[in-house]
């Protein structure tokens, strides 16, 4: 009953992951591959957190 109004933490992380991936594509298209690699790295770390939370 009390869990009814609790937010799902993975949804917010998935939104952040999607936003990071979109930013990475935009940066890649602009030609800055170093910044692209950083964005992809951040997105992968975030995806690891999502997978870890889903295991619980």
PDB file of N, CA and C in Angstrom:
ATOM      1  N   UNK A   1       0.814  -1.185   0.000  1.00  0.00           N
ATOM      2  CA  UNK A   1       0.000   0.000   0.000  1.00  0.00           C
ATOM      3  C   UNK A   1       0.863   1.256   0.000  1.00  0.00           C
ATOM      4  N   UNK A   2       1.907   1.260   0.816  1.00  0.00           N
ATOM      5  CA  UNK A   2       2.742   2.453   0.879  1.00  0.00           C
ATOM      6  C   UNK A   2       3.677   2.562  -0.316  1.00  0.00           C
ATOM      7  N   UNK A   3       3.918   1.456  -1.002  1.00  0.00           N
ATOM      8  CA  UNK A   3       4.745   1.474  -2.196  1.00  0.00           C
ATOM      9  C   UNK A   3       4.006   1.994  -3.412  1.00  0.00           C
ATOM     10  N   UNK A   4       2.729   2.251  -3.265  1.00  0.00           N
ATOM     11  CA  UNK A   4       1.901   2.701  -4.376  1.00  0.00           C
ATOM     12  C   UNK A   4       2.381   4.037  -4.945  1.00  0.00           C
ATOM     13  N   UNK A   5       2.802   4.945  -4.063  1.00  0.00           N
ATOM     14  CA  UNK A   5       3.199   6.279  -4.508  1.00  0.00           C
ATOM     15  C   UNK A   5       4.706   6.436  -4.641  1.00  0.00           C
ATOM     16  N   UNK A   6       5.431   5.354  -4.487  1.00  0.00           N
ATOM     17  CA  UNK A   6       6.885   5.398  -4.598  1.00  0.00           C
ATOM     18  C   UNK A   6       7.283   5.429  -6.068  1.00  0.00           C
ATOM     19  N   UNK A   7       8.179   6.327  -6.430  1.00  0.00           N
ATOM     20  CA  UNK A   7       8.628   6.437  -7.811  1.00  0.00           C
ATOM     21  C   UNK A   7       9.598   5.316  -8.141  1.00  0.00           C
ATOM     22  N   UNK A   8       9.559   4.904  -9.380  1.00  0.00           N
ATOM     23  CA  UNK A   8      10.461   3.874  -9.866  1.00  0.00           C
ATOM     24  C   UNK A   8      11.804   4.540 -10.207  1.00  0.00           C
ATOM     25  N   UNK A   9      12.880   4.221  -9.488  1.00  0.00           N
ATOM     26  CA  UNK A   9      14.157   4.901  -9.734  1.00  0.00           C
ATOM     27  C   UNK A   9      14.757   4.579 -11.098  1.00  0.00           C
ATOM     28  N   UNK A  10      14.426   3.446 -11.670  1.00  0.00           N
ATOM     29  CA  UNK A  10      15.012   3.102 -12.968  1.00  0.00           C
ATOM     30  C   UNK A  10      14.434   3.949 -14.095  1.00  0.00           C
ATOM     31  N   UNK A  11      13.198   4.404 -13.959  1.00  0.00           N
ATOM     32  CA  UNK A  11      12.605   5.233 -15.014  1.00  0.00           C
ATOM     33  C   UNK A  11      13.396   6.527 -15.195  1.00  0.00           C
ATOM     34  N   UNK A  12      13.747   7.160 -14.092  1.00  0.00           N
ATOM     35  CA  UNK A  12      14.504   8.414 -14.159  1.00  0.00           C
ATOM     36  C   UNK A  12      15.895   8.163 -14.754  1.00  0.00           C
ATOM     37  N   UNK A  13      16.524   7.068 -14.364  1.00  0.00           N
ATOM     38  CA  UNK A  13      17.838   6.743 -14.910  1.00  0.00           C
ATOM     39  C   UNK A  13      17.750   6.428 -16.406  1.00  0.00           C
ATOM     40  N   UNK A  14      16.677   5.771 -16.821  1.00  0.00           N
ATOM     41  CA  UNK A  14      16.501   5.482 -18.243  1.00  0.00           C
ATOM     42  C   UNK A  14      16.308   6.767 -19.047  1.00  0.00           C
ATOM     43  N   UNK A  15      15.604   7.738 -18.470  1.00  0.00           N
ATOM     44  CA  UNK A  15      15.434   9.034 -19.141  1.00  0.00           C
ATOM     45  C   UNK A  15      16.786   9.727 -19.301  1.00  0.00           C
ATOM     46  N   UNK A  16      17.592   9.687 -18.243  1.00  0.00           N
ATOM     47  CA  UNK A  16      18.917  10.298 -18.306  1.00  0.00           C
ATOM     48  C   UNK A  16      19.782   9.587 -19.341  1.00  0.00           C
ATOM     49  N   UNK A  17      19.682   8.260 -19.402  1.00  0.00           N
ATOM     50  CA  UNK A  17      20.471   7.488 -20.373  1.00  0.00           C
ATOM     51  C   UNK A  17      20.071   7.865 -21.793  1.00  0.00           C
ATOM     52  N   UNK A  18      18.775   7.965 -22.035  1.00  0.00           N
ATOM     53  CA  UNK A  18      18.292   8.333 -23.364  1.00  0.00           C
ATOM     54  C   UNK A  18      18.780   9.728 -23.755  1.00  0.00           C
ATOM     55  N   UNK A  19      18.725  10.655 -22.796  1.00  0.00           N
ATOM     56  CA  UNK A  19      19.186  12.026 -23.061  1.00  0.00           C
ATOM     57  C   UNK A  19      20.677  12.048 -23.378  1.00  0.00           C
ATOM     58  N   UNK A  20      21.466  11.282 -22.624  1.00  0.00           N
ATOM     59  CA  UNK A  20      22.905  11.223 -22.869  1.00  0.00           C
ATOM     60  C   UNK A  20      23.213  10.649 -24.253  1.00  0.00           C
ATOM     61  N   UNK A  21      22.470   9.622 -24.642  1.00  0.00           N
ATOM     62  CA  UNK A  21      22.696   9.019 -25.958  1.00  0.00           C
ATOM     63  C   UNK A  21      22.349  10.001 -27.078  1.00  0.00           C
ATOM     64  N   UNK A  22      21.274  10.768 -26.894  1.00  0.00           N
ATOM     65  CA  UNK A  22      20.912  11.768 -27.897  1.00  0.00           C
ATOM     66  C   UNK A  22      21.968  12.858 -27.987  1.00  0.00           C
ATOM     67  N   UNK A  23      22.489  13.283 -26.830  1.00  0.00           N
ATOM     68  CA  UNK A  23      23.554  14.281 -26.827  1.00  0.00           C
ATOM     69  C   UNK A  23      24.807  13.727 -27.486  1.00  0.00           C
ATOM     70  N   UNK A  24      25.104  12.453 -27.243  1.00  0.00           N
ATOM     71  CA  UNK A  24      26.292  11.830 -27.831  1.00  0.00           C
ATOM     72  C   UNK A  24      26.194  11.815 -29.349  1.00  0.00           C
ATOM     73  N   UNK A  25      25.030  11.498 -29.874  1.00  0.00           N
ATOM     74  CA  UNK A  25      24.844  11.480 -31.328  1.00  0.00           C
ATOM     75  C   UNK A  25      25.033  12.883 -31.900  1.00  0.00           C
ATOM     76  N   UNK A  26      24.487  13.882 -31.207  1.00  0.00           N
ATOM     77  CA  UNK A  26      24.629  15.261 -31.684  1.00  0.00           C
ATOM     78  C   UNK A  26      26.093  15.689 -31.677  1.00  0.00           C
ATOM     79  N   UNK A  27      26.814  15.317 -30.636  1.00  0.00           N
ATOM     80  CA  UNK A  27      28.235  15.674 -30.542  1.00  0.00           C
ATOM     81  C   UNK A  27      29.039  14.949 -31.618  1.00  0.00           C
ATOM     82  N   UNK A  28      28.687  13.684 -31.864  1.00  0.00           N
ATOM     83  CA  UNK A  28      29.395  12.916 -32.885  1.00  0.00           C
ATOM     84  C   UNK A  28      29.200  13.550 -34.258  1.00  0.00           C
ATOM     85  N   UNK A  29      27.991  13.989 -34.530  1.00  0.00           N
ATOM     86  CA  UNK A  29      27.709  14.605 -35.830  1.00  0.00           C
ATOM     87  C   UNK A  29      28.439  15.921 -36.003  1.00  0.00           C
ATOM     88  N   UNK A  30      28.737  16.587 -34.885  1.00  0.00           N
ATOM     89  CA  UNK A  30      29.476  17.844 -34.979  1.00  0.00           C
ATOM     90  C   UNK A  30      30.961  17.595 -35.203  1.00  0.00           C
ATOM     91  N   UNK A  31      31.411  16.353 -34.971  1.00  0.00           N
ATOM     92  CA  UNK A  31      32.792  16.001 -35.267  1.00  0.00           C
ATOM     93  C   UNK A  31      33.703  15.915 -34.060  1.00  0.00           C
ATOM     94  N   UNK A  32      33.191  16.150 -32.880  1.00  0.00           N
ATOM     95  CA  UNK A  32      34.016  16.095 -31.671  1.00  0.00           C
ATOM     96  C   UNK A  32      33.967  14.688 -31.082  1.00  0.00           C
ATOM     97  N   UNK A  33      34.862  13.832 -31.558  1.00  0.00           N
ATOM     98  CA  UNK A  33      34.836  12.427 -31.158  1.00  0.00           C
ATOM     99  C   UNK A  33      35.275  12.214 -29.717  1.00  0.00           C
ATOM    100  N   UNK A  34      36.108  13.087 -29.198  1.00  0.00           N
ATOM    101  CA  UNK A  34      36.530  12.964 -27.798  1.00  0.00           C
ATOM    102  C   UNK A  34      35.339  13.184 -26.854  1.00  0.00           C
ATOM    103  N   UNK A  35      34.554  14.227 -27.122  1.00  0.00           N
ATOM    104  CA  UNK A  35      33.374  14.495 -26.310  1.00  0.00           C
ATOM    105  C   UNK A  35      32.341  13.379 -26.494  1.00  0.00           C
ATOM    106  N   UNK A  36      32.263  12.832 -27.707  1.00  0.00           N
ATOM    107  CA  UNK A  36      31.364  11.704 -27.973  1.00  0.00           C
ATOM    108  C   UNK A  36      31.744  10.510 -27.102  1.00  0.00           C
ATOM    109  N   UNK A  37      33.021  10.206 -27.027  1.00  0.00           N
ATOM    110  CA  UNK A  37      33.488   9.076 -26.219  1.00  0.00           C
ATOM    111  C   UNK A  37      33.163   9.289 -24.740  1.00  0.00           C
ATOM    112  N   UNK A  38      33.287  10.522 -24.265  1.00  0.00           N
ATOM    113  CA  UNK A  38      32.955  10.819 -22.867  1.00  0.00           C
ATOM    114  C   UNK A  38      31.468  10.620 -22.596  1.00  0.00           C
ATOM    115  N   UNK A  39      30.622  11.077 -23.524  1.00  0.00           N
ATOM    116  CA  UNK A  39      29.171  10.922 -23.363  1.00  0.00           C
ATOM    117  C   UNK A  39      28.783   9.441 -23.368  1.00  0.00           C
ATOM    118  N   UNK A  40      29.383   8.676 -24.259  1.00  0.00           N
ATOM    119  CA  UNK A  40      29.092   7.247 -24.337  1.00  0.00           C
ATOM    120  C   UNK A  40      29.545   6.550 -23.058  1.00  0.00           C
ATOM    121  N   UNK A  41      30.684   6.952 -22.535  1.00  0.00           N
ATOM    122  CA  UNK A  41      31.187   6.366 -21.291  1.00  0.00           C
ATOM    123  C   UNK A  41      30.227   6.640 -20.143  1.00  0.00           C
ATOM    124  N   UNK A  42      29.737   7.866 -20.048  1.00  0.00           N
ATOM    125  CA  UNK A  42      28.762   8.218 -19.012  1.00  0.00           C
ATOM    126  C   UNK A  42      27.483   7.391 -19.179  1.00  0.00           C
ATOM    127  N   UNK A  43      27.035   7.236 -20.419  1.00  0.00           N
ATOM    128  CA  UNK A  43      25.816   6.482 -20.686  1.00  0.00           C
ATOM    129  C   UNK A  43      25.989   5.010 -20.309  1.00  0.00           C
ATOM    130  N   UNK A  44      27.163   4.455 -20.551  1.00  0.00           N
ATOM    131  CA  UNK A  44      27.415   3.059 -20.189  1.00  0.00           C
ATOM    132  C   UNK A  44      27.422   2.872 -18.680  1.00  0.00           C
ATOM    133  N   UNK A  45      27.998   3.821 -17.955  1.00  0.00           N
ATOM    134  CA  UNK A  45      27.994   3.740 -16.490  1.00  0.00           C
ATOM    135  C   UNK A  45      26.562   3.812 -15.960  1.00  0.00           C
ATOM    136  N   UNK A  46      25.775   4.673 -16.553  1.00  0.00           N
ATOM    137  CA  UNK A  46      24.383   4.808 -16.149  1.00  0.00           C
ATOM    138  C   UNK A  46      23.612   3.525 -16.444  1.00  0.00           C
ATOM    139  N   UNK A  47      23.877   2.912 -17.586  1.00  0.00           N
ATOM    140  CA  UNK A  47      23.205   1.662 -17.930  1.00  0.00           C
ATOM    141  C   UNK A  47      23.603   0.550 -16.962  1.00  0.00           C
ATOM    142  N   UNK A  48      24.851   0.548 -16.513  1.00  0.00           N
ATOM    143  CA  UNK A  48      25.285  -0.427 -15.517  1.00  0.00           C
ATOM    144  C   UNK A  48      24.490  -0.262 -14.213  1.00  0.00           C
ATOM    145  N   UNK A  49      24.237   0.987 -13.810  1.00  0.00           N
ATOM    146  CA  UNK A  49      23.436   1.237 -12.616  1.00  0.00           C
ATOM    147  C   UNK A  49      22.010   0.726 -12.806  1.00  0.00           C
ATOM    148  N   UNK A  50      21.457   0.950 -13.988  1.00  0.00           N
ATOM    149  CA  UNK A  50      20.091   0.509 -14.275  1.00  0.00           C
ATOM    150  C   UNK A  50      20.006  -1.016 -14.185  1.00  0.00           C
ATOM    151  N   UNK A  51      20.974  -1.692 -14.780  1.00  0.00           N
ATOM    152  CA  UNK A  51      20.985  -3.156 -14.751  1.00  0.00           C
ATOM    153  C   UNK A  51      21.123  -3.654 -13.310  1.00  0.00           C
ATOM    154  N   UNK A  52      21.967  -2.998 -12.532  1.00  0.00           N
ATOM    155  CA  UNK A  52      22.158  -3.394 -11.145  1.00  0.00           C
ATOM    156  C   UNK A  52      20.870  -3.226 -10.337  1.00  0.00           C
ATOM    157  N   UNK A  53      20.158  -2.136 -10.560  1.00  0.00           N
ATOM    158  CA  UNK A  53      18.891  -1.910  -9.855  1.00  0.00           C
ATOM    159  C   UNK A  53      17.813  -2.910 -10.276  1.00  0.00           C
ATOM    160  N   UNK A  54      17.832  -3.308 -11.541  1.00  0.00           N
ATOM    161  CA  UNK A  54      16.836  -4.257 -12.019  1.00  0.00           C
ATOM    162  C   UNK A  54      17.079  -5.667 -11.480  1.00  0.00           C
ATOM    163  N   UNK A  55      18.309  -5.952 -11.094  1.00  0.00           N
ATOM    164  CA  UNK A  55      18.623  -7.281 -10.536  1.00  0.00           C
ATOM    165  C   UNK A  55      18.011  -7.464  -9.148  1.00  0.00           C
ATOM    166  N   UNK A  56      17.818  -6.378  -8.447  1.00  0.00           N
ATOM    167  CA  UNK A  56      17.308  -6.457  -7.074  1.00  0.00           C
ATOM    168  C   UNK A  56      15.853  -6.790  -7.018  1.00  0.00           C
TER     169      UNK A  56
END
